[in-house]
Amino acid sequence: MHRRRGEKGTIPHRNGRFHCINQQWFFSTREQRLVGPYRDQDEAEKALERQLLPPIAKRFNRFGQ
């Protein structure tokens, strides 16, 4: 496992963010909430990217699409 920038000490255990449950895909948040379902992992990854975009980037993407 990789150490994040600025981390010191032992590396904490990190679970994967994407989960397949009954052939549906979800991603988990820091608050341990599952978001989904999505058809496949690629769709879940794109949804997570959209959620993580800074607010200013979201405004620009709205006009570009």
PDB file of N, CA and C in Angstrom:
ATOM      1  N   MET A   1       0.829  -1.176   0.000  1.00  0.00           N
ATOM      2  CA  MET A   1       0.000   0.000   0.000  1.00  0.00           C
ATOM      3  C   MET A   1       0.878   1.244   0.000  1.00  0.00           C
ATOM      4  N   HIS A   2       0.427   2.267  -0.639  1.00  0.00           N
ATOM      5  CA  HIS A   2       1.210   3.485  -0.742  1.00  0.00           C
ATOM      6  C   HIS A   2       0.897   4.446   0.390  1.00  0.00           C
ATOM      7  N   ARG A   3       1.903   5.169   0.777  1.00  0.00           N
ATOM      8  CA  ARG A   3       1.746   6.201   1.798  1.00  0.00           C
ATOM      9  C   ARG A   3       1.297   7.484   1.108  1.00  0.00           C
ATOM     10  N   ARG A   4       0.273   8.118   1.645  1.00  0.00           N
ATOM     11  CA  ARG A   4      -0.190   9.388   1.101  1.00  0.00           C
ATOM     12  C   ARG A   4       0.757  10.500   1.506  1.00  0.00           C
ATOM     13  N   ARG A   5       0.812  11.539   0.712  1.00  0.00           N
ATOM     14  CA  ARG A   5       1.669  12.676   1.009  1.00  0.00           C
ATOM     15  C   ARG A   5       1.343  13.217   2.399  1.00  0.00           C
ATOM     16  N   GLY A   6       2.364  13.405   3.218  1.00  0.00           N
ATOM     17  CA  GLY A   6       2.185  13.952   4.552  1.00  0.00           C
ATOM     18  C   GLY A   6       1.864  12.934   5.624  1.00  0.00           C
ATOM     19  N   GLU A   7       1.634  11.674   5.251  1.00  0.00           N
ATOM     20  CA  GLU A   7       1.333  10.652   6.251  1.00  0.00           C
ATOM     21  C   GLU A   7       2.614  10.202   6.945  1.00  0.00           C
ATOM     22  N   LYS A   8       2.499   9.995   8.226  1.00  0.00           N
ATOM     23  CA  LYS A   8       3.620   9.480   9.006  1.00  0.00           C
ATOM     24  C   LYS A   8       3.140   8.250   9.770  1.00  0.00           C
ATOM     25  N   GLY A   9       4.060   7.429  10.172  1.00  0.00           N
ATOM     26  CA  GLY A   9       3.698   6.250  10.946  1.00  0.00           C
ATOM     27  C   GLY A   9       3.237   5.113  10.046  1.00  0.00           C
ATOM     28  N   THR A  10       2.517   4.178  10.663  1.00  0.00           N
ATOM     29  CA  THR A  10       2.063   3.014   9.908  1.00  0.00           C
ATOM     30  C   THR A  10       0.986   3.417   8.907  1.00  0.00           C
ATOM     31  N   ILE A  11       0.930   2.687   7.832  1.00  0.00           N
ATOM     32  CA  ILE A  11      -0.063   2.957   6.788  1.00  0.00           C
ATOM     33  C   ILE A  11      -1.392   2.352   7.229  1.00  0.00           C
ATOM     34  N   PRO A  12      -2.459   3.159   7.304  1.00  0.00           N
ATOM     35  CA  PRO A  12      -3.750   2.613   7.726  1.00  0.00           C
ATOM     36  C   PRO A  12      -4.337   1.696   6.661  1.00  0.00           C
ATOM     37  N   HIS A  13      -5.171   0.767   7.114  1.00  0.00           N
ATOM     38  CA  HIS A  13      -5.847  -0.140   6.182  1.00  0.00           C
ATOM     39  C   HIS A  13      -6.877   0.657   5.383  1.00  0.00           C
ATOM     40  N   ARG A  14      -6.868   0.465   4.072  1.00  0.00           N
ATOM     41  CA  ARG A  14      -7.837   1.152   3.209  1.00  0.00           C
ATOM     42  C   ARG A  14      -8.566   0.108   2.368  1.00  0.00           C
ATOM     43  N   ASN A  15      -9.870   0.142   2.423  1.00  0.00           N
ATOM     44  CA  ASN A  15     -10.683  -0.756   1.603  1.00  0.00           C
ATOM     45  C   ASN A  15     -10.865  -0.165   0.222  1.00  0.00           C
ATOM     46  N   GLY A  16     -11.222  -1.003  -0.718  1.00  0.00           N
ATOM     47  CA  GLY A  16     -11.571  -0.509  -2.037  1.00  0.00           C
ATOM     48  C   GLY A  16     -12.820   0.346  -1.955  1.00  0.00           C
ATOM     49  N   ARG A  17     -12.948   1.273  -2.856  1.00  0.00           N
ATOM     50  CA  ARG A  17     -14.087   2.186  -2.846  1.00  0.00           C
ATOM     51  C   ARG A  17     -15.264   1.619  -3.635  1.00  0.00           C
ATOM     52  N   PHE A  18     -15.011   0.646  -4.516  1.00  0.00           N
ATOM     53  CA  PHE A  18     -16.065   0.119  -5.386  1.00  0.00           C
ATOM     54  C   PHE A  18     -16.475  -1.274  -4.934  1.00  0.00           C
ATOM     55  N   HIS A  19     -17.797  -1.522  -4.957  1.00  0.00           N
ATOM     56  CA  HIS A  19     -18.346  -2.780  -4.456  1.00  0.00           C
ATOM     57  C   HIS A  19     -19.393  -3.291  -5.443  1.00  0.00           C
ATOM     58  N   CYS A  20     -19.339  -4.589  -5.706  1.00  0.00           N
ATOM     59  CA  CYS A  20     -20.354  -5.229  -6.558  1.00  0.00           C
ATOM     60  C   CYS A  20     -21.251  -6.063  -5.654  1.00  0.00           C
ATOM     61  N   ILE A  21     -22.537  -5.731  -5.635  1.00  0.00           N
ATOM     62  CA  ILE A  21     -23.513  -6.424  -4.811  1.00  0.00           C
ATOM     63  C   ILE A  21     -24.674  -6.821  -5.709  1.00  0.00           C
ATOM     64  N   ASN A  22     -24.933  -8.124  -5.807  1.00  0.00           N
ATOM     65  CA  ASN A  22     -26.016  -8.631  -6.666  1.00  0.00           C
ATOM     66  C   ASN A  22     -25.918  -8.076  -8.089  1.00  0.00           C
ATOM     67  N   GLN A  23     -24.719  -8.087  -8.652  1.00  0.00           N
ATOM     68  CA  GLN A  23     -24.449  -7.647 -10.019  1.00  0.00           C
ATOM     69  C   GLN A  23     -24.742  -6.164 -10.253  1.00  0.00           C
ATOM     70  N   GLN A  24     -24.774  -5.384  -9.180  1.00  0.00           N
ATOM     71  CA  GLN A  24     -24.920  -3.934  -9.279  1.00  0.00           C
ATOM     72  C   GLN A  24     -23.725  -3.307  -8.585  1.00  0.00           C
ATOM     73  N   TRP A  25     -23.237  -2.178  -9.131  1.00  0.00           N
ATOM     74  CA  TRP A  25     -22.033  -1.544  -8.615  1.00  0.00           C
ATOM     75  C   TRP A  25     -22.356  -0.302  -7.789  1.00  0.00           C
ATOM     76  N   PHE A  26     -21.598  -0.122  -6.731  1.00  0.00           N
ATOM     77  CA  PHE A  26     -21.731   0.999  -5.813  1.00  0.00           C
ATOM     78  C   PHE A  26     -20.342   1.547  -5.516  1.00  0.00           C
ATOM     79  N   PHE A  27     -20.269   2.801  -5.061  1.00  0.00           N
ATOM     80  CA  PHE A  27     -19.025   3.291  -4.475  1.00  0.00           C
ATOM     81  C   PHE A  27     -19.331   3.765  -3.072  1.00  0.00           C
ATOM     82  N   SER A  28     -18.321   3.693  -2.209  1.00  0.00           N
ATOM     83  CA  SER A  28     -18.530   4.095  -0.823  1.00  0.00           C
ATOM     84  C   SER A  28     -17.909   5.460  -0.573  1.00  0.00           C
ATOM     85  N   THR A  29     -18.521   6.194   0.350  1.00  0.00           N
ATOM     86  CA  THR A  29     -18.044   7.514   0.731  1.00  0.00           C
ATOM     87  C   THR A  29     -17.249   7.396   2.028  1.00  0.00           C
ATOM     88  N   ARG A  30     -16.604   8.488   2.420  1.00  0.00           N
ATOM     89  CA  ARG A  30     -15.877   8.496   3.697  1.00  0.00           C
ATOM     90  C   ARG A  30     -16.805   8.207   4.865  1.00  0.00           C
ATOM     91  N   GLU A  31     -18.057   8.576   4.699  1.00  0.00           N
ATOM     92  CA  GLU A  31     -19.049   8.370   5.767  1.00  0.00           C
ATOM     93  C   GLU A  31     -19.596   6.943   5.765  1.00  0.00           C
ATOM     94  N   GLN A  32     -18.982   6.069   4.962  1.00  0.00           N
ATOM     95  CA  GLN A  32     -19.377   4.655   4.866  1.00  0.00           C
ATOM     96  C   GLN A  32     -20.774   4.481   4.274  1.00  0.00           C
ATOM     97  N   ARG A  33     -21.162   5.393   3.388  1.00  0.00           N
ATOM     98  CA  ARG A  33     -22.446   5.311   2.703  1.00  0.00           C
ATOM     99  C   ARG A  33     -22.208   4.738   1.316  1.00  0.00           C
ATOM    100  N   LEU A  34     -23.053   3.824   0.868  1.00  0.00           N
ATOM    101  CA  LEU A  34     -22.955   3.281  -0.486  1.00  0.00           C
ATOM    102  C   LEU A  34     -23.804   4.128  -1.424  1.00  0.00           C
ATOM    103  N   VAL A  35     -23.245   4.496  -2.562  1.00  0.00           N
ATOM    104  CA  VAL A  35     -23.941   5.297  -3.567  1.00  0.00           C
ATOM    105  C   VAL A  35     -24.079   4.445  -4.805  1.00  0.00           C
ATOM    106  N   GLY A  36     -25.287   4.356  -5.336  1.00  0.00           N
ATOM    107  CA  GLY A  36     -25.544   3.543  -6.517  1.00  0.00           C
ATOM    108  C   GLY A  36     -26.986   3.107  -6.494  1.00  0.00           C
ATOM    109  N   PRO A  37     -27.350   2.139  -7.250  1.00  0.00           N
ATOM    110  CA  PRO A  37     -26.517   1.214  -8.019  1.00  0.00           C
ATOM    111  C   PRO A  37     -26.200   1.732  -9.422  1.00  0.00           C
ATOM    112  N   TYR A  38     -25.127   1.169  -9.991  1.00  0.00           N
ATOM    113  CA  TYR A  38     -24.701   1.455 -11.355  1.00  0.00           C
ATOM    114  C   TYR A  38     -24.568   0.132 -12.104  1.00  0.00           C
ATOM    115  N   ARG A  39     -24.673   0.200 -13.433  1.00  0.00           N
ATOM    116  CA  ARG A  39     -24.624  -1.019 -14.253  1.00  0.00           C
ATOM    117  C   ARG A  39     -23.301  -1.753 -14.157  1.00  0.00           C
ATOM    118  N   ASP A  40     -22.201  -0.994 -14.122  1.00  0.00           N
ATOM    119  CA  ASP A  40     -20.881  -1.618 -14.080  1.00  0.00           C
ATOM    120  C   ASP A  40     -19.909  -0.724 -13.321  1.00  0.00           C
ATOM    121  N   GLN A  41     -18.711  -1.233 -13.111  1.00  0.00           N
ATOM    122  CA  GLN A  41     -17.737  -0.478 -12.326  1.00  0.00           C
ATOM    123  C   GLN A  41     -17.329   0.808 -13.035  1.00  0.00           C
ATOM    124  N   ASP A  42     -17.250   0.776 -14.351  1.00  0.00           N
ATOM    125  CA  ASP A  42     -16.884   1.976 -15.099  1.00  0.00           C
ATOM    126  C   ASP A  42     -17.894   3.102 -14.861  1.00  0.00           C
ATOM    127  N   GLU A  43     -19.170   2.767 -14.882  1.00  0.00           N
ATOM    128  CA  GLU A  43     -20.213   3.770 -14.630  1.00  0.00           C
ATOM    129  C   GLU A  43     -20.113   4.307 -13.195  1.00  0.00           C
ATOM    130  N   ALA A  44     -19.816   3.434 -12.239  1.00  0.00           N
ATOM    131  CA  ALA A  44     -19.660   3.860 -10.842  1.00  0.00           C
ATOM    132  C   ALA A  44     -18.447   4.781 -10.700  1.00  0.00           C
ATOM    133  N   GLU A  45     -17.351   4.464 -11.396  1.00  0.00           N
ATOM    134  CA  GLU A  45     -16.154   5.309 -11.337  1.00  0.00           C
ATOM    135  C   GLU A  45     -16.427   6.694 -11.915  1.00  0.00           C
ATOM    136  N   LYS A  46     -17.160   6.754 -13.018  1.00  0.00           N
ATOM    137  CA  LYS A  46     -17.487   8.049 -13.616  1.00  0.00           C
ATOM    138  C   LYS A  46     -18.389   8.870 -12.693  1.00  0.00           C
ATOM    139  N   ALA A  47     -19.330   8.212 -12.033  1.00  0.00           N
ATOM    140  CA  ALA A  47     -20.219   8.913 -11.096  1.00  0.00           C
ATOM    141  C   ALA A  47     -19.416   9.460  -9.923  1.00  0.00           C
ATOM    142  N   LEU A  48     -18.457   8.690  -9.436  1.00  0.00           N
ATOM    143  CA  LEU A  48     -17.611   9.168  -8.339  1.00  0.00           C
ATOM    144  C   LEU A  48     -16.782  10.368  -8.785  1.00  0.00           C
ATOM    145  N   GLU A  49     -16.225  10.315  -9.984  1.00  0.00           N
ATOM    146  CA  GLU A  49     -15.450  11.447 -10.504  1.00  0.00           C
ATOM    147  C   GLU A  49     -16.298  12.707 -10.577  1.00  0.00           C
ATOM    148  N   ARG A  50     -17.550  12.558 -11.041  1.00  0.00           N
ATOM    149  CA  ARG A  50     -18.446  13.718 -11.123  1.00  0.00           C
ATOM    150  C   ARG A  50     -18.713  14.293  -9.735  1.00  0.00           C
ATOM    151  N   GLN A  51     -18.863  13.419  -8.749  1.00  0.00           N
ATOM    152  CA  GLN A  51     -19.139  13.879  -7.394  1.00  0.00           C
ATOM    153  C   GLN A  51     -17.933  14.593  -6.794  1.00  0.00           C
ATOM    154  N   LEU A  52     -16.729  14.171  -7.169  1.00  0.00           N
ATOM    155  CA  LEU A  52     -15.517  14.738  -6.577  1.00  0.00           C
ATOM    156  C   LEU A  52     -15.028  15.999  -7.266  1.00  0.00           C
ATOM    157  N   LEU A  53     -15.586  16.327  -8.430  1.00  0.00           N
ATOM    158  CA  LEU A  53     -15.163  17.540  -9.126  1.00  0.00           C
ATOM    159  C   LEU A  53     -15.421  18.761  -8.246  1.00  0.00           C
ATOM    160  N   PRO A  54     -14.470  19.676  -8.188  1.00  0.00           N
ATOM    161  CA  PRO A  54     -14.724  20.916  -7.437  1.00  0.00           C
ATOM    162  C   PRO A  54     -15.910  21.670  -8.038  1.00  0.00           C
ATOM    163  N   PRO A  55     -16.628  22.442  -7.252  1.00  0.00           N
ATOM    164  CA  PRO A  55     -17.820  23.150  -7.747  1.00  0.00           C
ATOM    165  C   PRO A  55     -17.555  23.997  -8.988  1.00  0.00           C
ATOM    166  N   ILE A  56     -16.417  24.643  -9.096  1.00  0.00           N
ATOM    167  CA  ILE A  56     -16.137  25.484 -10.265  1.00  0.00           C
ATOM    168  C   ILE A  56     -16.008  24.626 -11.518  1.00  0.00           C
ATOM    169  N   ALA A  57     -15.391  23.466 -11.390  1.00  0.00           N
ATOM    170  CA  ALA A  57     -15.243  22.565 -12.542  1.00  0.00           C
ATOM    171  C   ALA A  57     -16.605  22.057 -12.990  1.00  0.00           C
ATOM    172  N   LYS A  58     -17.514  21.833 -12.040  1.00  0.00           N
ATOM    173  CA  LYS A  58     -18.852  21.376 -12.408  1.00  0.00           C
ATOM    174  C   LYS A  58     -19.548  22.420 -13.278  1.00  0.00           C
ATOM    175  N   ARG A  59     -19.374  23.691 -12.946  1.00  0.00           N
ATOM    176  CA  ARG A  59     -20.011  24.742 -13.741  1.00  0.00           C
ATOM    177  C   ARG A  59     -19.456  24.766 -15.161  1.00  0.00           C
ATOM    178  N   PHE A  60     -18.140  24.604 -15.310  1.00  0.00           N
ATOM    179  CA  PHE A  60     -17.548  24.604 -16.652  1.00  0.00           C
ATOM    180  C   PHE A  60     -17.987  23.392 -17.447  1.00  0.00           C
ATOM    181  N   ASN A  61     -18.053  22.223 -16.794  1.00  0.00           N
ATOM    182  CA  ASN A  61     -18.466  21.012 -17.493  1.00  0.00           C
ATOM    183  C   ASN A  61     -19.910  21.100 -17.973  1.00  0.00           C
ATOM    184  N   ARG A  62     -20.752  21.798 -17.238  1.00  0.00           N
ATOM    185  CA  ARG A  62     -22.149  21.955 -17.647  1.00  0.00           C
ATOM    186  C   ARG A  62     -22.226  22.635 -18.998  1.00  0.00           C
ATOM    187  N   PHE A  63     -21.400  23.648 -19.206  1.00  0.00           N
ATOM    188  CA  PHE A  63     -21.440  24.399 -20.466  1.00  0.00           C
ATOM    189  C   PHE A  63     -20.751  23.667 -21.606  1.00  0.00           C
ATOM    190  N   GLY A  64     -19.803  22.794 -21.264  1.00  0.00           N
ATOM    191  CA  GLY A  64     -19.051  22.085 -22.295  1.00  0.00           C
ATOM    192  C   GLY A  64     -19.741  20.857 -22.821  1.00  0.00           C
ATOM    193  N   GLN A  65     -20.789  20.386 -22.157  1.00  0.00           N
ATOM    194  CA  GLN A  65     -21.433  19.152 -22.587  1.00  0.00           C
ATOM    195  C   GLN A  65     -22.783  19.391 -23.203  1.00  0.00           C
TER     196      GLN A  65
END
